[in-house]
Amino acid sequence: MGGNDGMADVRKLQERISNQSNRPDRKWNEASLFIGRIPPQTKKAFEELAERDFCDDKGWLLKWLMDDMMSADTRIIYEQLAELTERIEKLENGASVKGEPQTKEIRMGSGKIINVACQKKEEGV
């Protein structure tokens, strides 16, 4: 099987679709979607899910999948935002952030104050 066979098949399919959509008796719907080159098992699973849970409405299944994907991305962004907000608050309050040494003020007998780097004991060591 040659490397260009797949591309030739795709071109033939595109031409066939183009010819069908240009026919006067075929009204093209802007809400329609054609997806080619879907692995057979993926297509079968998609169709089964649409039939079982969405009354065979593939459009609503696609919307549901996209909404769920967007919510997962949104959750990740909010988690990262919360972590960054916490780090900023620590910096603003003078606390250390990962990897930065903490300092401790020590008042000498003479009244002089010096800052000494402290090592934080790690748990479980």
PDB file of N, CA and C in Angstrom:
ATOM      1  N   MET A   1       0.850  -1.170   0.000  1.00  0.00           N
ATOM      2  CA  MET A   1       0.000   0.000   0.000  1.00  0.00           C
ATOM      3  C   MET A   1       0.890   1.224   0.000  1.00  0.00           C
ATOM      4  N   GLY A   2       0.733   2.131  -0.941  1.00  0.00           N
ATOM      5  CA  GLY A   2       1.568   3.309  -1.071  1.00  0.00           C
ATOM      6  C   GLY A   2       1.189   4.385  -0.074  1.00  0.00           C
ATOM      7  N   GLY A   3       2.077   5.314   0.173  1.00  0.00           N
ATOM      8  CA  GLY A   3       1.842   6.388   1.127  1.00  0.00           C
ATOM      9  C   GLY A   3       0.819   7.396   0.647  1.00  0.00           C
ATOM     10  N   ASN A   4       0.609   7.486  -0.681  1.00  0.00           N
ATOM     11  CA  ASN A   4      -0.325   8.476  -1.217  1.00  0.00           C
ATOM     12  C   ASN A   4      -1.742   7.939  -1.352  1.00  0.00           C
ATOM     13  N   ASP A   5      -1.953   6.649  -1.115  1.00  0.00           N
ATOM     14  CA  ASP A   5      -3.283   6.071  -1.261  1.00  0.00           C
ATOM     15  C   ASP A   5      -4.290   6.731  -0.334  1.00  0.00           C
ATOM     16  N   GLY A   6      -3.886   6.993   0.883  1.00  0.00           N
ATOM     17  CA  GLY A   6      -4.775   7.627   1.859  1.00  0.00           C
ATOM     18  C   GLY A   6      -5.186   9.013   1.419  1.00  0.00           C
ATOM     19  N   MET A   7      -4.240   9.780   0.911  1.00  0.00           N
ATOM     20  CA  MET A   7      -4.542  11.138   0.449  1.00  0.00           C
ATOM     21  C   MET A   7      -5.459  11.099  -0.773  1.00  0.00           C
ATOM     22  N   ALA A   8      -5.253  10.128  -1.658  1.00  0.00           N
ATOM     23  CA  ALA A   8      -6.109   9.999  -2.837  1.00  0.00           C
ATOM     24  C   ALA A   8      -7.540   9.687  -2.410  1.00  0.00           C
ATOM     25  N   ASP A   9      -7.688   8.837  -1.408  1.00  0.00           N
ATOM     26  CA  ASP A   9      -9.017   8.513  -0.896  1.00  0.00           C
ATOM     27  C   ASP A   9      -9.690   9.743  -0.297  1.00  0.00           C
ATOM     28  N   VAL A  10      -8.915  10.527   0.440  1.00  0.00           N
ATOM     29  CA  VAL A  10      -9.463  11.738   1.048  1.00  0.00           C
ATOM     30  C   VAL A  10      -9.906  12.715  -0.037  1.00  0.00           C
ATOM     31  N   ARG A  11      -9.083  12.880  -1.074  1.00  0.00           N
ATOM     32  CA  ARG A  11      -9.449  13.800  -2.176  1.00  0.00           C
ATOM     33  C   ARG A  11     -10.723  13.338  -2.874  1.00  0.00           C
ATOM     34  N   LYS A  12     -10.847  12.024  -3.121  1.00  0.00           N
ATOM     35  CA  LYS A  12     -12.053  11.487  -3.758  1.00  0.00           C
ATOM     36  C   LYS A  12     -13.279  11.760  -2.896  1.00  0.00           C
ATOM     37  N   LEU A  13     -13.128  11.557  -1.606  1.00  0.00           N
ATOM     38  CA  LEU A  13     -14.228  11.785  -0.675  1.00  0.00           C
ATOM     39  C   LEU A  13     -14.618  13.264  -0.658  1.00  0.00           C
ATOM     40  N   GLN A  14     -13.619  14.154  -0.626  1.00  0.00           N
ATOM     41  CA  GLN A  14     -13.898  15.591  -0.643  1.00  0.00           C
ATOM     42  C   GLN A  14     -14.615  15.989  -1.925  1.00  0.00           C
ATOM     43  N   GLU A  15     -14.186  15.418  -3.059  1.00  0.00           N
ATOM     44  CA  GLU A  15     -14.820  15.720  -4.341  1.00  0.00           C
ATOM     45  C   GLU A  15     -16.269  15.235  -4.351  1.00  0.00           C
ATOM     46  N   ARG A  16     -16.495  14.035  -3.823  1.00  0.00           N
ATOM     47  CA  ARG A  16     -17.853  13.487  -3.777  1.00  0.00           C
ATOM     48  C   ARG A  16     -18.769  14.362  -2.909  1.00  0.00           C
ATOM     49  N   ILE A  17     -18.249  14.808  -1.779  1.00  0.00           N
ATOM     50  CA  ILE A  17     -19.035  15.664  -0.891  1.00  0.00           C
ATOM     51  C   ILE A  17     -19.313  16.995  -1.569  1.00  0.00           C
ATOM     52  N   SER A  18     -18.300  17.539  -2.223  1.00  0.00           N
ATOM     53  CA  SER A  18     -18.459  18.810  -2.926  1.00  0.00           C
ATOM     54  C   SER A  18     -19.520  18.693  -4.016  1.00  0.00           C
ATOM     55  N   ASN A  19     -19.486  17.600  -4.773  1.00  0.00           N
ATOM     56  CA  ASN A  19     -20.473  17.389  -5.831  1.00  0.00           C
ATOM     57  C   ASN A  19     -21.877  17.255  -5.253  1.00  0.00           C
ATOM     58  N   GLN A  20     -22.009  16.566  -4.123  1.00  0.00           N
ATOM     59  CA  GLN A  20     -23.315  16.391  -3.504  1.00  0.00           C
ATOM     60  C   GLN A  20     -23.854  17.721  -2.990  1.00  0.00           C
ATOM     61  N   SER A  21     -22.970  18.540  -2.413  1.00  0.00           N
ATOM     62  CA  SER A  21     -23.448  19.797  -1.839  1.00  0.00           C
ATOM     63  C   SER A  21     -23.779  20.822  -2.921  1.00  0.00           C
ATOM     64  N   ASN A  22     -23.267  20.644  -4.139  1.00  0.00           N
ATOM     65  CA  ASN A  22     -23.549  21.576  -5.224  1.00  0.00           C
ATOM     66  C   ASN A  22     -24.800  21.196  -6.017  1.00  0.00           C
ATOM     67  N   ARG A  23     -25.370  20.041  -5.710  1.00  0.00           N
ATOM     68  CA  ARG A  23     -26.576  19.629  -6.425  1.00  0.00           C
ATOM     69  C   ARG A  23     -27.728  20.553  -6.051  1.00  0.00           C
ATOM     70  N   PRO A  24     -28.566  20.917  -7.038  1.00  0.00           N
ATOM     71  CA  PRO A  24     -29.668  21.835  -6.740  1.00  0.00           C
ATOM     72  C   PRO A  24     -30.674  21.252  -5.748  1.00  0.00           C
ATOM     73  N   ASP A  25     -30.845  19.933  -5.749  1.00  0.00           N
ATOM     74  CA  ASP A  25     -31.824  19.321  -4.847  1.00  0.00           C
ATOM     75  C   ASP A  25     -31.277  19.128  -3.427  1.00  0.00           C
ATOM     76  N   ARG A  26     -30.005  19.421  -3.232  1.00  0.00           N
ATOM     77  CA  ARG A  26     -29.402  19.261  -1.901  1.00  0.00           C
ATOM     78  C   ARG A  26     -29.183  20.630  -1.288  1.00  0.00           C
ATOM     79  N   LYS A  27     -29.886  20.918  -0.237  1.00  0.00           N
ATOM     80  CA  LYS A  27     -29.741  22.194   0.448  1.00  0.00           C
ATOM     81  C   LYS A  27     -28.726  22.013   1.575  1.00  0.00           C
ATOM     82  N   TRP A  28     -27.627  22.747   1.527  1.00  0.00           N
ATOM     83  CA  TRP A  28     -26.571  22.623   2.529  1.00  0.00           C
ATOM     84  C   TRP A  28     -26.995  23.340   3.799  1.00  0.00           C
ATOM     85  N   ASN A  29     -26.877  22.664   4.891  1.00  0.00           N
ATOM     86  CA  ASN A  29     -27.245  23.225   6.178  1.00  0.00           C
ATOM     87  C   ASN A  29     -25.977  23.686   6.880  1.00  0.00           C
ATOM     88  N   GLU A  30     -25.914  24.945   7.279  1.00  0.00           N
ATOM     89  CA  GLU A  30     -24.723  25.491   7.930  1.00  0.00           C
ATOM     90  C   GLU A  30     -24.430  24.796   9.262  1.00  0.00           C
ATOM     91  N   ALA A  31     -25.446  24.213   9.882  1.00  0.00           N
ATOM     92  CA  ALA A  31     -25.249  23.532  11.154  1.00  0.00           C
ATOM     93  C   ALA A  31     -24.745  22.102  10.965  1.00  0.00           C
ATOM     94  N   SER A  32     -24.620  21.646   9.734  1.00  0.00           N
ATOM     95  CA  SER A  32     -24.152  20.289   9.469  1.00  0.00           C
ATOM     96  C   SER A  32     -22.639  20.206   9.634  1.00  0.00           C
ATOM     97  N   LEU A  33     -22.175  19.011   9.901  1.00  0.00           N
ATOM     98  CA  LEU A  33     -20.754  18.779  10.082  1.00  0.00           C
ATOM     99  C   LEU A  33     -20.405  17.419   9.505  1.00  0.00           C
ATOM    100  N   PHE A  34     -19.345  17.365   8.722  1.00  0.00           N
ATOM    101  CA  PHE A  34     -18.865  16.099   8.190  1.00  0.00           C
ATOM    102  C   PHE A  34     -17.468  15.871   8.760  1.00  0.00           C
ATOM    103  N   ILE A  35     -17.264  14.718   9.346  1.00  0.00           N
ATOM    104  CA  ILE A  35     -15.952  14.382   9.900  1.00  0.00           C
ATOM    105  C   ILE A  35     -15.485  13.099   9.225  1.00  0.00           C
ATOM    106  N   GLY A  36     -14.332  13.143   8.602  1.00  0.00           N
ATOM    107  CA  GLY A  36     -13.758  11.970   7.959  1.00  0.00           C
ATOM    108  C   GLY A  36     -12.609  11.419   8.780  1.00  0.00           C
ATOM    109  N   ARG A  37     -12.189  10.236   8.435  1.00  0.00           N
ATOM    110  CA  ARG A  37     -11.020   9.588   9.038  1.00  0.00           C
ATOM    111  C   ARG A  37     -11.174   9.361  10.539  1.00  0.00           C
ATOM    112  N   ILE A  38     -12.312   8.820  10.937  1.00  0.00           N
ATOM    113  CA  ILE A  38     -12.545   8.469  12.332  1.00  0.00           C
ATOM    114  C   ILE A  38     -12.207   6.990  12.507  1.00  0.00           C
ATOM    115  N   PRO A  39     -11.425   6.645  13.515  1.00  0.00           N
ATOM    116  CA  PRO A  39     -11.145   5.230  13.747  1.00  0.00           C
ATOM    117  C   PRO A  39     -12.464   4.471  13.967  1.00  0.00           C
ATOM    118  N   PRO A  40     -12.595   3.282  13.397  1.00  0.00           N
ATOM    119  CA  PRO A  40     -13.857   2.537  13.465  1.00  0.00           C
ATOM    120  C   PRO A  40     -14.394   2.332  14.882  1.00  0.00           C
ATOM    121  N   GLN A  41     -13.527   1.986  15.820  1.00  0.00           N
ATOM    122  CA  GLN A  41     -13.991   1.761  17.196  1.00  0.00           C
ATOM    123  C   GLN A  41     -14.506   3.066  17.820  1.00  0.00           C
ATOM    124  N   THR A  42     -13.856   4.181  17.515  1.00  0.00           N
ATOM    125  CA  THR A  42     -14.278   5.478  18.049  1.00  0.00           C
ATOM    126  C   THR A  42     -15.640   5.853  17.487  1.00  0.00           C
ATOM    127  N   LYS A  43     -15.810   5.645  16.189  1.00  0.00           N
ATOM    128  CA  LYS A  43     -17.095   5.950  15.551  1.00  0.00           C
ATOM    129  C   LYS A  43     -18.201   5.089  16.149  1.00  0.00           C
ATOM    130  N   LYS A  44     -17.919   3.804  16.327  1.00  0.00           N
ATOM    131  CA  LYS A  44     -18.915   2.887  16.886  1.00  0.00           C
ATOM    132  C   LYS A  44     -19.304   3.320  18.300  1.00  0.00           C
ATOM    133  N   ALA A  45     -18.320   3.650  19.121  1.00  0.00           N
ATOM    134  CA  ALA A  45     -18.586   4.081  20.498  1.00  0.00           C
ATOM    135  C   ALA A  45     -19.399   5.377  20.514  1.00  0.00           C
ATOM    136  N   PHE A  46     -19.060   6.313  19.619  1.00  0.00           N
ATOM    137  CA  PHE A  46     -19.782   7.585  19.524  1.00  0.00           C
ATOM    138  C   PHE A  46     -21.245   7.343  19.147  1.00  0.00           C
ATOM    139  N   GLU A  47     -21.454   6.510  18.134  1.00  0.00           N
ATOM    140  CA  GLU A  47     -22.820   6.221  17.688  1.00  0.00           C
ATOM    141  C   GLU A  47     -23.623   5.499  18.766  1.00  0.00           C
ATOM    142  N   GLU A  48     -22.997   4.557  19.467  1.00  0.00           N
ATOM    143  CA  GLU A  48     -23.691   3.834  20.540  1.00  0.00           C
ATOM    144  C   GLU A  48     -24.076   4.775  21.680  1.00  0.00           C
ATOM    145  N   LEU A  49     -23.161   5.665  22.047  1.00  0.00           N
ATOM    146  CA  LEU A  49     -23.450   6.630  23.112  1.00  0.00           C
ATOM    147  C   LEU A  49     -24.572   7.579  22.698  1.00  0.00           C
ATOM    148  N   ALA A  50     -24.527   8.035  21.450  1.00  0.00           N
ATOM    149  CA  ALA A  50     -25.585   8.925  20.951  1.00  0.00           C
ATOM    150  C   ALA A  50     -26.937   8.234  20.990  1.00  0.00           C
ATOM    151  N   GLU A  51     -26.966   6.987  20.559  1.00  0.00           N
ATOM    152  CA  GLU A  51     -28.229   6.240  20.527  1.00  0.00           C
ATOM    153  C   GLU A  51     -28.741   5.966  21.942  1.00  0.00           C
ATOM    154  N   ARG A  52     -27.840   5.553  22.823  1.00  0.00           N
ATOM    155  CA  ARG A  52     -28.244   5.156  24.172  1.00  0.00           C
ATOM    156  C   ARG A  52     -28.648   6.346  25.043  1.00  0.00           C
ATOM    157  N   ASP A  53     -27.859   7.421  25.032  1.00  0.00           N
ATOM    158  CA  ASP A  53     -28.075   8.510  25.993  1.00  0.00           C
ATOM    159  C   ASP A  53     -28.631   9.799  25.389  1.00  0.00           C
ATOM    160  N   PHE A  54     -28.650   9.915  24.062  1.00  0.00           N
ATOM    161  CA  PHE A  54     -29.069  11.175  23.447  1.00  0.00           C
ATOM    162  C   PHE A  54     -30.119  10.966  22.352  1.00  0.00           C
ATOM    163  N   CYS A  55     -30.870   9.883  22.438  1.00  0.00           N
ATOM    164  CA  CYS A  55     -31.926   9.581  21.449  1.00  0.00           C
ATOM    165  C   CYS A  55     -31.396   9.694  20.027  1.00  0.00           C
ATOM    166  N   ASP A  56     -30.184   9.217  19.833  1.00  0.00           N
ATOM    167  CA  ASP A  56     -29.508   9.196  18.538  1.00  0.00           C
ATOM    168  C   ASP A  56     -29.233  10.602  17.979  1.00  0.00           C
ATOM    169  N   ASP A  57     -29.215  11.602  18.843  1.00  0.00           N
ATOM    170  CA  ASP A  57     -28.923  12.981  18.420  1.00  0.00           C
ATOM    171  C   ASP A  57     -27.423  13.241  18.582  1.00  0.00           C
ATOM    172  N   LYS A  58     -26.690  13.060  17.499  1.00  0.00           N
ATOM    173  CA  LYS A  58     -25.231  13.184  17.542  1.00  0.00           C
ATOM    174  C   LYS A  58     -24.784  14.625  17.792  1.00  0.00           C
ATOM    175  N   GLY A  59     -25.595  15.579  17.371  1.00  0.00           N
ATOM    176  CA  GLY A  59     -25.272  16.984  17.613  1.00  0.00           C
ATOM    177  C   GLY A  59     -25.243  17.318  19.091  1.00  0.00           C
ATOM    178  N   TRP A  60     -26.244  16.826  19.837  1.00  0.00           N
ATOM    179  CA  TRP A  60     -26.274  17.085  21.274  1.00  0.00           C
ATOM    180  C   TRP A  60     -25.176  16.328  21.993  1.00  0.00           C
ATOM    181  N   LEU A  61     -24.841  15.145  21.523  1.00  0.00           N
ATOM    182  CA  LEU A  61     -23.730  14.404  22.114  1.00  0.00           C
ATOM    183  C   LEU A  61     -22.431  15.185  21.921  1.00  0.00           C
ATOM    184  N   LEU A  62     -22.210  15.715  20.721  1.00  0.00           N
ATOM    185  CA  LEU A  62     -21.005  16.502  20.457  1.00  0.00           C
ATOM    186  C   LEU A  62     -20.968  17.734  21.361  1.00  0.00           C
ATOM    187  N   LYS A  63     -22.100  18.409  21.514  1.00  0.00           N
ATOM    188  CA  LYS A  63     -22.166  19.582  22.388  1.00  0.00           C
ATOM    189  C   LYS A  63     -21.829  19.193  23.824  1.00  0.00           C
ATOM    190  N   TRP A  64     -22.395  18.080  24.299  1.00  0.00           N
ATOM    191  CA  TRP A  64     -22.148  17.625  25.653  1.00  0.00           C
ATOM    192  C   TRP A  64     -20.654  17.322  25.857  1.00  0.00           C
ATOM    193  N   LEU A  65     -20.048  16.660  24.882  1.00  0.00           N
ATOM    194  CA  LEU A  65     -18.622  16.349  24.971  1.00  0.00           C
ATOM    195  C   LEU A  65     -17.773  17.622  24.993  1.00  0.00           C
ATOM    196  N   MET A  66     -18.121  18.587  24.158  1.00  0.00           N
ATOM    197  CA  MET A  66     -17.370  19.845  24.106  1.00  0.00           C
ATOM    198  C   MET A  66     -17.536  20.630  25.409  1.00  0.00           C
ATOM    199  N   ASP A  67     -18.760  20.691  25.937  1.00  0.00           N
ATOM    200  CA  ASP A  67     -18.993  21.402  27.193  1.00  0.00           C
ATOM    201  C   ASP A  67     -18.202  20.778  28.318  1.00  0.00           C
ATOM    202  N   ASP A  68     -18.180  19.438  28.366  1.00  0.00           N
ATOM    203  CA  ASP A  68     -17.445  18.746  29.417  1.00  0.00           C
ATOM    204  C   ASP A  68     -15.950  18.999  29.280  1.00  0.00           C
ATOM    205  N   MET A  69     -15.451  19.012  28.052  1.00  0.00           N
ATOM    206  CA  MET A  69     -14.037  19.258  27.829  1.00  0.00           C
ATOM    207  C   MET A  69     -13.676  20.679  28.271  1.00  0.00           C
ATOM    208  N   MET A  70     -14.544  21.633  27.937  1.00  0.00           N
ATOM    209  CA  MET A  70     -14.286  23.019  28.323  1.00  0.00           C
ATOM    210  C   MET A  70     -14.318  23.165  29.844  1.00  0.00           C
ATOM    211  N   SER A  71     -15.244  22.455  30.525  1.00  0.00           N
ATOM    212  CA  SER A  71     -15.293  22.572  31.976  1.00  0.00           C
ATOM    213  C   SER A  71     -14.037  22.012  32.615  1.00  0.00           C
ATOM    214  N   ALA A  72     -13.492  20.937  32.054  1.00  0.00           N
ATOM    215  CA  ALA A  72     -12.254  20.367  32.598  1.00  0.00           C
ATOM    216  C   ALA A  72     -11.115  21.375  32.446  1.00  0.00           C
ATOM    217  N   ASP A  73     -11.026  22.013  31.289  1.00  0.00           N
ATOM    218  CA  ASP A  73      -9.995  23.032  31.079  1.00  0.00           C
ATOM    219  C   ASP A  73     -10.187  24.201  32.036  1.00  0.00           C
ATOM    220  N   THR A  74     -11.430  24.600  32.224  1.00  0.00           N
ATOM    221  CA  THR A  74     -11.728  25.716  33.122  1.00  0.00           C
ATOM    222  C   THR A  74     -11.338  25.368  34.554  1.00  0.00           C
ATOM    223  N   ARG A  75     -11.625  24.127  34.976  1.00  0.00           N
ATOM    224  CA  ARG A  75     -11.243  23.706  36.326  1.00  0.00           C
ATOM    225  C   ARG A  75      -9.730  23.800  36.519  1.00  0.00           C
ATOM    226  N   ILE A  76      -8.981  23.359  35.526  1.00  0.00           N
ATOM    227  CA  ILE A  76      -7.516  23.407  35.613  1.00  0.00           C
ATOM    228  C   ILE A  76      -7.043  24.858  35.738  1.00  0.00           C
ATOM    229  N   ILE A  77      -7.625  25.737  34.940  1.00  0.00           N
ATOM    230  CA  ILE A  77      -7.237  27.155  34.982  1.00  0.00           C
ATOM    231  C   ILE A  77      -7.543  27.747  36.352  1.00  0.00           C
ATOM    232  N   TYR A  78      -8.723  27.458  36.906  1.00  0.00           N
ATOM    233  CA  TYR A  78      -9.078  27.986  38.230  1.00  0.00           C
ATOM    234  C   TYR A  78      -8.160  27.440  39.320  1.00  0.00           C
ATOM    235  N   GLU A  79      -7.771  26.177  39.233  1.00  0.00           N
ATOM    236  CA  GLU A  79      -6.850  25.610  40.211  1.00  0.00           C
ATOM    237  C   GLU A  79      -5.494  26.318  40.148  1.00  0.00           C
ATOM    238  N   GLN A  80      -5.008  26.556  38.925  1.00  0.00           N
ATOM    239  CA  GLN A  80      -3.733  27.248  38.768  1.00  0.00           C
ATOM    240  C   GLN A  80      -3.835  28.692  39.252  1.00  0.00           C
ATOM    241  N   LEU A  81      -4.970  29.337  38.978  1.00  0.00           N
ATOM    242  CA  LEU A  81      -5.183  30.707  39.427  1.00  0.00           C
ATOM    243  C   LEU A  81      -5.203  30.780  40.951  1.00  0.00           C
ATOM    244  N   ALA A  82      -5.857  29.816  41.594  1.00  0.00           N
ATOM    245  CA  ALA A  82      -5.901  29.788  43.060  1.00  0.00           C
ATOM    246  C   ALA A  82      -4.498  29.611  43.639  1.00  0.00           C
ATOM    247  N   GLU A  83      -3.702  28.725  43.022  1.00  0.00           N
ATOM    248  CA  GLU A  83      -2.335  28.512  43.494  1.00  0.00           C
ATOM    249  C   GLU A  83      -1.495  29.781  43.339  1.00  0.00           C
ATOM    250  N   LEU A  84      -1.622  30.440  42.208  1.00  0.00           N
ATOM    251  CA  LEU A  84      -0.865  31.676  41.988  1.00  0.00           C
ATOM    252  C   LEU A  84      -1.313  32.780  42.948  1.00  0.00           C
ATOM    253  N   THR A  85      -2.612  32.860  43.198  1.00  0.00           N
ATOM    254  CA  THR A  85      -3.134  33.859  44.134  1.00  0.00           C
ATOM    255  C   THR A  85      -2.567  33.625  45.526  1.00  0.00           C
ATOM    256  N   GLU A  86      -2.508  32.369  45.953  1.00  0.00           N
ATOM    257  CA  GLU A  86      -1.947  32.023  47.262  1.00  0.00           C
ATOM    258  C   GLU A  86      -0.471  32.420  47.342  1.00  0.00           C
ATOM    259  N   ARG A  87       0.260  32.149  46.280  1.00  0.00           N
ATOM    260  CA  ARG A  87       1.690  32.498  46.266  1.00  0.00           C
ATOM    261  C   ARG A  87       1.889  34.004  46.326  1.00  0.00           C
ATOM    262  N   ILE A  88       1.034  34.753  45.618  1.00  0.00           N
ATOM    263  CA  ILE A  88       1.130  36.220  45.638  1.00  0.00           C
ATOM    264  C   ILE A  88       0.834  36.743  47.035  1.00  0.00           C
ATOM    265  N   GLU A  89      -0.198  36.195  47.681  1.00  0.00           N
ATOM    266  CA  GLU A  89      -0.542  36.613  49.037  1.00  0.00           C
ATOM    267  C   GLU A  89       0.615  36.341  49.996  1.00  0.00           C
ATOM    268  N   LYS A  90       1.278  35.190  49.843  1.00  0.00           N
ATOM    269  CA  LYS A  90       2.432  34.873  50.689  1.00  0.00           C
ATOM    270  C   LYS A  90       3.542  35.894  50.474  1.00  0.00           C
ATOM    271  N   LEU A  91       3.788  36.241  49.220  1.00  0.00           N
ATOM    272  CA  LEU A  91       4.831  37.220  48.920  1.00  0.00           C
ATOM    273  C   LEU A  91       4.487  38.587  49.513  1.00  0.00           C
ATOM    274  N   GLU A  92       3.219  38.969  49.379  1.00  0.00           N
ATOM    275  CA  GLU A  92       2.789  40.257  49.913  1.00  0.00           C
ATOM    276  C   GLU A  92       2.859  40.287  51.432  1.00  0.00           C
ATOM    277  N   ASN A  93       2.655  39.152  52.071  1.00  0.00           N
ATOM    278  CA  ASN A  93       2.695  39.078  53.532  1.00  0.00           C
ATOM    279  C   ASN A  93       4.092  38.797  54.054  1.00  0.00           C
ATOM    280  N   GLY A  94       5.065  38.669  53.168  1.00  0.00           N
ATOM    281  CA  GLY A  94       6.447  38.465  53.580  1.00  0.00           C
ATOM    282  C   GLY A  94       6.817  37.029  53.857  1.00  0.00           C
ATOM    283  N   ALA A  95       5.925  36.108  53.633  1.00  0.00           N
ATOM    284  CA  ALA A  95       6.243  34.696  53.851  1.00  0.00           C
ATOM    285  C   ALA A  95       7.054  34.184  52.676  1.00  0.00           C
ATOM    286  N   SER A  96       7.733  33.084  52.891  1.00  0.00           N
ATOM    287  CA  SER A  96       8.538  32.540  51.806  1.00  0.00           C
ATOM    288  C   SER A  96       7.694  31.713  50.863  1.00  0.00           C
ATOM    289  N   VAL A  97       8.163  31.616  49.644  1.00  0.00           N
ATOM    290  CA  VAL A  97       7.546  30.787  48.620  1.00  0.00           C
ATOM    291  C   VAL A  97       8.507  29.634  48.382  1.00  0.00           C
ATOM    292  N   LYS A  98       8.027  28.538  47.815  1.00  0.00           N
ATOM    293  CA  LYS A  98       8.842  27.342  47.574  1.00  0.00           C
ATOM    294  C   LYS A  98      10.296  27.676  47.258  1.00  0.00           C
ATOM    295  N   GLY A  99      11.196  27.058  47.993  1.00  0.00           N
ATOM    296  CA  GLY A  99      12.611  27.161  47.681  1.00  0.00           C
ATOM    297  C   GLY A  99      13.302  28.387  48.247  1.00  0.00           C
ATOM    298  N   GLU A 100      12.558  29.383  48.730  1.00  0.00           N
ATOM    299  CA  GLU A 100      13.201  30.573  49.287  1.00  0.00           C
ATOM    300  C   GLU A 100      13.483  30.338  50.772  1.00  0.00           C
ATOM    301  N   PRO A 101      14.674  30.717  51.238  1.00  0.00           N
ATOM    302  CA  PRO A 101      14.981  30.516  52.651  1.00  0.00           C
ATOM    303  C   PRO A 101      14.218  31.520  53.518  1.00  0.00           C
ATOM    304  N   GLN A 102      13.808  31.079  54.697  1.00  0.00           N
ATOM    305  CA  GLN A 102      13.163  31.978  55.642  1.00  0.00           C
ATOM    306  C   GLN A 102      14.245  32.631  56.484  1.00  0.00           C
ATOM    307  N   THR A 103      13.949  33.826  56.959  1.00  0.00           N
ATOM    308  CA  THR A 103      14.900  34.502  57.839  1.00  0.00           C
ATOM    309  C   THR A 103      14.241  34.738  59.187  1.00  0.00           C
ATOM    310  N   LYS A 104      15.099  34.870  60.193  1.00  0.00           N
ATOM    311  CA  LYS A 104      14.613  35.096  61.550  1.00  0.00           C
ATOM    312  C   LYS A 104      15.406  36.254  62.133  1.00  0.00           C
ATOM    313  N   GLU A 105      14.696  37.172  62.777  1.00  0.00           N
ATOM    314  CA  GLU A 105      15.378  38.300  63.416  1.00  0.00           C
ATOM    315  C   GLU A 105      15.882  37.879  64.789  1.00  0.00           C
ATOM    316  N   ILE A 106      17.104  38.199  65.061  1.00  0.00           N
ATOM    317  CA  ILE A 106      17.692  37.913  66.377  1.00  0.00           C
ATOM    318  C   ILE A 106      18.214  39.227  66.954  1.00  0.00           C
ATOM    319  N   ARG A 107      17.803  39.512  68.206  1.00  0.00           N
ATOM    320  CA  ARG A 107      18.276  40.730  68.872  1.00  0.00           C
ATOM    321  C   ARG A 107      19.500  40.360  69.719  1.00  0.00           C
ATOM    322  N   MET A 108      20.590  41.011  69.409  1.00  0.00           N
ATOM    323  CA  MET A 108      21.836  40.767  70.125  1.00  0.00           C
ATOM    324  C   MET A 108      21.776  41.461  71.492  1.00  0.00           C
ATOM    325  N   GLY A 109      22.652  41.075  72.375  1.00  0.00           N
ATOM    326  CA  GLY A 109      22.723  41.694  73.711  1.00  0.00           C
ATOM    327  C   GLY A 109      22.951  43.194  73.628  1.00  0.00           C
ATOM    328  N   SER A 110      23.646  43.616  72.596  1.00  0.00           N
ATOM    329  CA  SER A 110      23.937  45.035  72.429  1.00  0.00           C
ATOM    330  C   SER A 110      22.737  45.814  71.899  1.00  0.00           C
ATOM    331  N   GLY A 111      21.670  45.087  71.531  1.00  0.00           N
ATOM    332  CA  GLY A 111      20.483  45.756  70.983  1.00  0.00           C
ATOM    333  C   GLY A 111      20.427  45.700  69.462  1.00  0.00           C
ATOM    334  N   LYS A 112      21.545  45.275  68.860  1.00  0.00           N
ATOM    335  CA  LYS A 112      21.589  45.188  67.407  1.00  0.00           C
ATOM    336  C   LYS A 112      20.727  44.017  66.940  1.00  0.00           C
ATOM    337  N   ILE A 113      19.961  44.209  65.830  1.00  0.00           N
ATOM    338  CA  ILE A 113      19.105  43.156  65.276  1.00  0.00           C
ATOM    339  C   ILE A 113      19.760  42.623  64.008  1.00  0.00           C
ATOM    340  N   ILE A 114      19.885  41.304  63.944  1.00  0.00           N
ATOM    341  CA  ILE A 114      20.435  40.693  62.735  1.00  0.00           C
ATOM    342  C   ILE A 114      19.415  39.695  62.183  1.00  0.00           C
ATOM    343  N   ASN A 115      19.454  39.505  60.877  1.00  0.00           N
ATOM    344  CA  ASN A 115      18.593  38.522  60.209  1.00  0.00           C
ATOM    345  C   ASN A 115      19.423  37.282  59.906  1.00  0.00           C
ATOM    346  N   VAL A 116      18.941  36.134  60.347  1.00  0.00           N
ATOM    347  CA  VAL A 116      19.648  34.882  60.152  1.00  0.00           C
ATOM    348  C   VAL A 116      18.774  33.967  59.303  1.00  0.00           C
ATOM    349  N   ALA A 117      19.375  33.347  58.307  1.00  0.00           N
ATOM    350  CA  ALA A 117      18.628  32.393  57.465  1.00  0.00           C
ATOM    351  C   ALA A 117      18.337  31.149  58.266  1.00  0.00           C
ATOM    352  N   CYS A 118      17.104  30.704  58.197  1.00  0.00           N
ATOM    353  CA  CYS A 118      16.693  29.498  58.907  1.00  0.00           C
ATOM    354  C   CYS A 118      16.437  28.395  57.897  1.00  0.00           C
ATOM    355  N   GLN A 119      16.764  27.199  58.283  1.00  0.00           N
ATOM    356  CA  GLN A 119      16.423  26.064  57.434  1.00  0.00           C
ATOM    357  C   GLN A 119      15.164  25.441  57.977  1.00  0.00           C
ATOM    358  N   LYS A 120      14.216  25.242  57.103  1.00  0.00           N
ATOM    359  CA  LYS A 120      12.956  24.654  57.493  1.00  0.00           C
ATOM    360  C   LYS A 120      13.118  23.140  57.534  1.00  0.00           C
ATOM    361  N   LYS A 121      12.701  22.530  58.653  1.00  0.00           N
ATOM    362  CA  LYS A 121      12.777  21.079  58.758  1.00  0.00           C
ATOM    363  C   LYS A 121      11.698  20.476  57.880  1.00  0.00           C
ATOM    364  N   GLU A 122      12.099  19.526  57.045  1.00  0.00           N
ATOM    365  CA  GLU A 122      11.152  18.867  56.172  1.00  0.00           C
ATOM    366  C   GLU A 122      10.482  17.726  56.907  1.00  0.00           C
ATOM    367  N   GLU A 123       9.196  17.585  56.667  1.00  0.00           N
ATOM    368  CA  GLU A 123       8.446  16.516  57.325  1.00  0.00           C
ATOM    369  C   GLU A 123       8.867  15.159  56.795  1.00  0.00           C
ATOM    370  N   GLY A 124       8.926  14.196  57.676  1.00  0.00           N
ATOM    371  CA  GLY A 124       9.214  12.835  57.269  1.00  0.00           C
ATOM    372  C   GLY A 124      10.688  12.534  57.091  1.00  0.00           C
ATOM    373  N   VAL A 125      11.563  13.472  57.433  1.00  0.00           N
ATOM    374  CA  VAL A 125      13.000  13.245  57.275  1.00  0.00           C
ATOM    375  C   VAL A 125      13.577  12.792  58.571  1.00  0.00           C
TER     376      VAL A 125
END
